[in-house]
Amino acid sequence: MFPPEVRIEGPLGSRTVTVGGVEIPAVEAVSVSEAVHDLQRVTITVLTDRATIAFPER
């Protein structure tokens, strides 16, 4: 699905953002830049503590 649909629901600090069918909970902020050549940058900020951050093996 291109471009992916971005849906924002819920109150500030506990928003759920869905991008292309993938749900991202506990979103603090969403920023959308102006379109450049039909592309847009969407930045999603999530508050978490370091213990919950994991990186997949490469």
PDB file of N, CA and C in Angstrom:
ATOM      1  N   MET A   1       0.849  -1.165   0.000  1.00  0.00           N
ATOM      2  CA  MET A   1       0.000   0.000   0.000  1.00  0.00           C
ATOM      3  C   MET A   1       0.900   1.234   0.000  1.00  0.00           C
ATOM      4  N   PHE A   2       0.920   1.964  -1.097  1.00  0.00           N
ATOM      5  CA  PHE A   2       1.740   3.164  -1.177  1.00  0.00           C
ATOM      6  C   PHE A   2       0.911   4.298  -1.724  1.00  0.00           C
ATOM      7  N   PRO A   3       0.923   5.451  -1.150  1.00  0.00           N
ATOM      8  CA  PRO A   3       1.576   5.741   0.120  1.00  0.00           C
ATOM      9  C   PRO A   3       0.783   5.143   1.273  1.00  0.00           C
ATOM     10  N   PRO A   4       1.453   4.827   2.400  1.00  0.00           N
ATOM     11  CA  PRO A   4       0.725   4.241   3.523  1.00  0.00           C
ATOM     12  C   PRO A   4      -0.215   5.257   4.159  1.00  0.00           C
ATOM     13  N   GLU A   5      -1.364   4.803   4.603  1.00  0.00           N
ATOM     14  CA  GLU A   5      -2.305   5.666   5.304  1.00  0.00           C
ATOM     15  C   GLU A   5      -1.811   5.861   6.733  1.00  0.00           C
ATOM     16  N   VAL A   6      -1.853   7.096   7.220  1.00  0.00           N
ATOM     17  CA  VAL A   6      -1.463   7.405   8.597  1.00  0.00           C
ATOM     18  C   VAL A   6      -2.719   7.860   9.329  1.00  0.00           C
ATOM     19  N   ARG A   7      -3.131   7.104  10.354  1.00  0.00           N
ATOM     20  CA  ARG A   7      -4.317   7.443  11.148  1.00  0.00           C
ATOM     21  C   ARG A   7      -3.877   7.795  12.560  1.00  0.00           C
ATOM     22  N   ILE A   8      -4.399   8.900  13.097  1.00  0.00           N
ATOM     23  CA  ILE A   8      -4.053   9.356  14.446  1.00  0.00           C
ATOM     24  C   ILE A   8      -5.335   9.388  15.265  1.00  0.00           C
ATOM     25  N   GLU A   9      -5.341   8.662  16.401  1.00  0.00           N
ATOM     26  CA  GLU A   9      -6.532   8.599  17.242  1.00  0.00           C
ATOM     27  C   GLU A   9      -6.149   8.734  18.706  1.00  0.00           C
ATOM     28  N   GLY A  10      -7.008   9.364  19.501  1.00  0.00           N
ATOM     29  CA  GLY A  10      -6.818   9.430  20.947  1.00  0.00           C
ATOM     30  C   GLY A  10      -6.223  10.737  21.421  1.00  0.00           C
ATOM     31  N   PRO A  11      -6.211  10.934  22.764  1.00  0.00           N
ATOM     32  CA  PRO A  11      -5.712  12.172  23.355  1.00  0.00           C
ATOM     33  C   PRO A  11      -4.185  12.252  23.355  1.00  0.00           C
ATOM     34  N   LEU A  12      -3.675  13.466  23.443  1.00  0.00           N
ATOM     35  CA  LEU A  12      -2.237  13.720  23.486  1.00  0.00           C
ATOM     36  C   LEU A  12      -1.579  12.892  24.584  1.00  0.00           C
ATOM     37  N   GLY A  13      -0.459  12.262  24.274  1.00  0.00           N
ATOM     38  CA  GLY A  13       0.272  11.459  25.240  1.00  0.00           C
ATOM     39  C   GLY A  13      -0.121   9.998  25.251  1.00  0.00           C
ATOM     40  N   SER A  14      -1.315   9.690  24.734  1.00  0.00           N
ATOM     41  CA  SER A  14      -1.732   8.286  24.685  1.00  0.00           C
ATOM     42  C   SER A  14      -2.375   7.983  23.338  1.00  0.00           C
ATOM     43  N   ARG A  15      -1.924   8.687  22.333  1.00  0.00           N
ATOM     44  CA  ARG A  15      -2.457   8.472  20.991  1.00  0.00           C
ATOM     45  C   ARG A  15      -2.002   7.133  20.440  1.00  0.00           C
ATOM     46  N   THR A  16      -2.812   6.601  19.567  1.00  0.00           N
ATOM     47  CA  THR A  16      -2.417   5.430  18.796  1.00  0.00           C
ATOM     48  C   THR A  16      -2.314   5.876  17.353  1.00  0.00           C
ATOM     49  N   VAL A  17      -1.191   5.588  16.726  1.00  0.00           N
ATOM     50  CA  VAL A  17      -0.991   5.931  15.324  1.00  0.00           C
ATOM     51  C   VAL A  17      -0.896   4.628  14.543  1.00  0.00           C
ATOM     52  N   THR A  18      -1.620   4.555  13.450  1.00  0.00           N
ATOM     53  CA  THR A  18      -1.561   3.389  12.583  1.00  0.00           C
ATOM     54  C   THR A  18      -0.947   3.822  11.261  1.00  0.00           C
ATOM     55  N   VAL A  19       0.136   3.168  10.870  1.00  0.00           N
ATOM     56  CA  VAL A  19       0.826   3.488   9.617  1.00  0.00           C
ATOM     57  C   VAL A  19       0.824   2.231   8.761  1.00  0.00           C
ATOM     58  N   GLY A  20       0.110   2.284   7.650  1.00  0.00           N
ATOM     59  CA  GLY A  20       0.059   1.133   6.757  1.00  0.00           C
ATOM     60  C   GLY A  20      -0.425  -0.129   7.438  1.00  0.00           C
ATOM     61  N   GLY A  21      -1.340   0.001   8.409  1.00  0.00           N
ATOM     62  CA  GLY A  21      -1.893  -1.148   9.104  1.00  0.00           C
ATOM     63  C   GLY A  21      -1.125  -1.576  10.344  1.00  0.00           C
ATOM     64  N   VAL A  22       0.018  -0.939  10.634  1.00  0.00           N
ATOM     65  CA  VAL A  22       0.811  -1.273  11.823  1.00  0.00           C
ATOM     66  C   VAL A  22       0.491  -0.253  12.912  1.00  0.00           C
ATOM     67  N   GLU A  23       0.051  -0.729  14.090  1.00  0.00           N
ATOM     68  CA  GLU A  23      -0.335   0.148  15.184  1.00  0.00           C
ATOM     69  C   GLU A  23       0.853   0.516  16.064  1.00  0.00           C
ATOM     70  N   ILE A  24       0.999   1.807  16.364  1.00  0.00           N
ATOM     71  CA  ILE A  24       2.049   2.297  17.256  1.00  0.00           C
ATOM     72  C   ILE A  24       1.343   2.969  18.433  1.00  0.00           C
ATOM     73  N   PRO A  25       1.399   2.361  19.644  1.00  0.00           N
ATOM     74  CA  PRO A  25       0.705   2.931  20.799  1.00  0.00           C
ATOM     75  C   PRO A  25       1.554   3.972  21.531  1.00  0.00           C
ATOM     76  N   ALA A  26       0.934   4.705  22.445  1.00  0.00           N
ATOM     77  CA  ALA A  26       1.600   5.652  23.352  1.00  0.00           C
ATOM     78  C   ALA A  26       2.408   6.715  22.616  1.00  0.00           C
ATOM     79  N   VAL A  27       1.825   7.280  21.585  1.00  0.00           N
ATOM     80  CA  VAL A  27       2.506   8.298  20.783  1.00  0.00           C
ATOM     81  C   VAL A  27       2.347   9.660  21.444  1.00  0.00           C
ATOM     82  N   GLU A  28       3.468  10.363  21.606  1.00  0.00           N
ATOM     83  CA  GLU A  28       3.451  11.694  22.209  1.00  0.00           C
ATOM     84  C   GLU A  28       3.163  12.771  21.166  1.00  0.00           C
ATOM     85  N   ALA A  29       3.775  12.652  19.989  1.00  0.00           N
ATOM     86  CA  ALA A  29       3.628  13.697  18.976  1.00  0.00           C
ATOM     87  C   ALA A  29       3.763  13.128  17.574  1.00  0.00           C
ATOM     88  N   VAL A  30       3.083  13.799  16.646  1.00  0.00           N
ATOM     89  CA  VAL A  30       3.186  13.449  15.227  1.00  0.00           C
ATOM     90  C   VAL A  30       3.429  14.743  14.472  1.00  0.00           C
ATOM     91  N   SER A  31       4.448  14.744  13.631  1.00  0.00           N
ATOM     92  CA  SER A  31       4.784  15.919  12.838  1.00  0.00           C
ATOM     93  C   SER A  31       4.754  15.537  11.364  1.00  0.00           C
ATOM     94  N   VAL A  32       4.106  16.371  10.559  1.00  0.00           N
ATOM     95  CA  VAL A  32       4.030  16.123   9.121  1.00  0.00           C
ATOM     96  C   VAL A  32       4.636  17.316   8.402  1.00  0.00           C
ATOM     97  N   SER A  33       5.626  17.057   7.545  1.00  0.00           N
ATOM     98  CA  SER A  33       6.274  18.143   6.806  1.00  0.00           C
ATOM     99  C   SER A  33       5.521  18.404   5.507  1.00  0.00           C
ATOM    100  N   GLU A  34       5.864  19.507   4.869  1.00  0.00           N
ATOM    101  CA  GLU A  34       5.264  19.820   3.574  1.00  0.00           C
ATOM    102  C   GLU A  34       5.697  18.799   2.539  1.00  0.00           C
ATOM    103  N   ALA A  35       4.836  18.563   1.575  1.00  0.00           N
ATOM    104  CA  ALA A  35       5.155  17.608   0.514  1.00  0.00           C
ATOM    105  C   ALA A  35       6.219  18.190  -0.413  1.00  0.00           C
ATOM    106  N   VAL A  36       7.193  17.360  -0.780  1.00  0.00           N
ATOM    107  CA  VAL A  36       8.231  17.730  -1.735  1.00  0.00           C
ATOM    108  C   VAL A  36       8.265  16.638  -2.787  1.00  0.00           C
ATOM    109  N   HIS A  37       7.968  16.981  -4.018  1.00  0.00           N
ATOM    110  CA  HIS A  37       7.941  16.001  -5.107  1.00  0.00           C
ATOM    111  C   HIS A  37       7.061  14.801  -4.756  1.00  0.00           C
ATOM    112  N   ASP A  38       5.860  15.070  -4.238  1.00  0.00           N
ATOM    113  CA  ASP A  38       4.875  14.037  -3.884  1.00  0.00           C
ATOM    114  C   ASP A  38       5.298  13.145  -2.720  1.00  0.00           C
ATOM    115  N   LEU A  39       6.341  13.515  -1.979  1.00  0.00           N
ATOM    116  CA  LEU A  39       6.749  12.755  -0.797  1.00  0.00           C
ATOM    117  C   LEU A  39       6.550  13.620   0.436  1.00  0.00           C
ATOM    118  N   GLN A  40       6.143  13.006   1.537  1.00  0.00           N
ATOM    119  CA  GLN A  40       5.969  13.719   2.790  1.00  0.00           C
ATOM    120  C   GLN A  40       6.697  12.980   3.888  1.00  0.00           C
ATOM    121  N   ARG A  41       7.296  13.719   4.799  1.00  0.00           N
ATOM    122  CA  ARG A  41       7.962  13.112   5.953  1.00  0.00           C
ATOM    123  C   ARG A  41       6.996  13.174   7.134  1.00  0.00           C
ATOM    124  N   VAL A  42       6.725  12.020   7.745  1.00  0.00           N
ATOM    125  CA  VAL A  42       5.903  11.932   8.945  1.00  0.00           C
ATOM    126  C   VAL A  42       6.811  11.445  10.070  1.00  0.00           C
ATOM    127  N   THR A  43       6.956  12.258  11.117  1.00  0.00           N
ATOM    128  CA  THR A  43       7.801  11.905  12.256  1.00  0.00           C
ATOM    129  C   THR A  43       6.903  11.583  13.445  1.00  0.00           C
ATOM    130  N   ILE A  44       7.111  10.400  14.043  1.00  0.00           N
ATOM    131  CA  ILE A  44       6.305   9.954  15.177  1.00  0.00           C
ATOM    132  C   ILE A  44       7.214   9.867  16.398  1.00  0.00           C
ATOM    133  N   THR A  45       6.836  10.553  17.490  1.00  0.00           N
ATOM    134  CA  THR A  45       7.623  10.548  18.718  1.00  0.00           C
ATOM    135  C   THR A  45       6.905   9.711  19.769  1.00  0.00           C
ATOM    136  N   VAL A  46       7.628   8.739  20.328  1.00  0.00           N
ATOM    137  CA  VAL A  46       7.080   7.858  21.357  1.00  0.00           C
ATOM    138  C   VAL A  46       7.961   7.967  22.593  1.00  0.00           C
ATOM    139  N   LEU A  47       7.354   8.174  23.760  1.00  0.00           N
ATOM    140  CA  LEU A  47       8.116   8.206  25.005  1.00  0.00           C
ATOM    141  C   LEU A  47       8.233   6.789  25.546  1.00  0.00           C
ATOM    142  N   THR A  48       9.438   6.396  25.921  1.00  0.00           N
ATOM    143  CA  THR A  48       9.670   5.070  26.480  1.00  0.00           C
ATOM    144  C   THR A  48      10.911   5.130  27.353  1.00  0.00           C
ATOM    145  N   ASP A  49      11.128   4.097  28.141  1.00  0.00           N
ATOM    146  CA  ASP A  49      12.382   4.058  28.888  1.00  0.00           C
ATOM    147  C   ASP A  49      13.361   3.165  28.130  1.00  0.00           C
ATOM    148  N   ARG A  50      14.628   3.326  28.424  1.00  0.00           N
ATOM    149  CA  ARG A  50      15.652   2.606  27.661  1.00  0.00           C
ATOM    150  C   ARG A  50      15.519   1.090  27.762  1.00  0.00           C
ATOM    151  N   ALA A  51      14.959   0.601  28.845  1.00  0.00           N
ATOM    152  CA  ALA A  51      14.862  -0.847  29.035  1.00  0.00           C
ATOM    153  C   ALA A  51      13.948  -1.510  28.007  1.00  0.00           C
ATOM    154  N   THR A  52      13.059  -0.732  27.398  1.00  0.00           N
ATOM    155  CA  THR A  52      12.117  -1.337  26.458  1.00  0.00           C
ATOM    156  C   THR A  52      12.592  -1.263  25.014  1.00  0.00           C
ATOM    157  N   ILE A  53      13.740  -0.640  24.791  1.00  0.00           N
ATOM    158  CA  ILE A  53      14.230  -0.491  23.421  1.00  0.00           C
ATOM    159  C   ILE A  53      15.041  -1.725  23.039  1.00  0.00           C
ATOM    160  N   ALA A  54      14.698  -2.335  21.919  1.00  0.00           N
ATOM    161  CA  ALA A  54      15.418  -3.523  21.451  1.00  0.00           C
ATOM    162  C   ALA A  54      15.726  -3.353  19.972  1.00  0.00           C
ATOM    163  N   PHE A  55      16.857  -3.873  19.555  1.00  0.00           N
ATOM    164  CA  PHE A  55      17.246  -3.810  18.157  1.00  0.00           C
ATOM    165  C   PHE A  55      17.309  -5.228  17.607  1.00  0.00           C
ATOM    166  N   PRO A  56      16.701  -5.471  16.450  1.00  0.00           N
ATOM    167  CA  PRO A  56      16.755  -6.820  15.881  1.00  0.00           C
ATOM    168  C   PRO A  56      18.180  -7.183  15.473  1.00  0.00           C
ATOM    169  N   GLU A  57      18.471  -8.475  15.514  1.00  0.00           N
ATOM    170  CA  GLU A  57      19.790  -8.926  15.074  1.00  0.00           C
ATOM    171  C   GLU A  57      19.923  -8.701  13.580  1.00  0.00           C
ATOM    172  N   ARG A  58      21.136  -8.388  13.164  1.00  0.00           N
ATOM    173  CA  ARG A  58      21.357  -8.137  11.734  1.00  0.00           C
ATOM    174  C   ARG A  58      21.983  -9.322  11.095  1.00  0.00           C
TER     175      ARG A  58
END
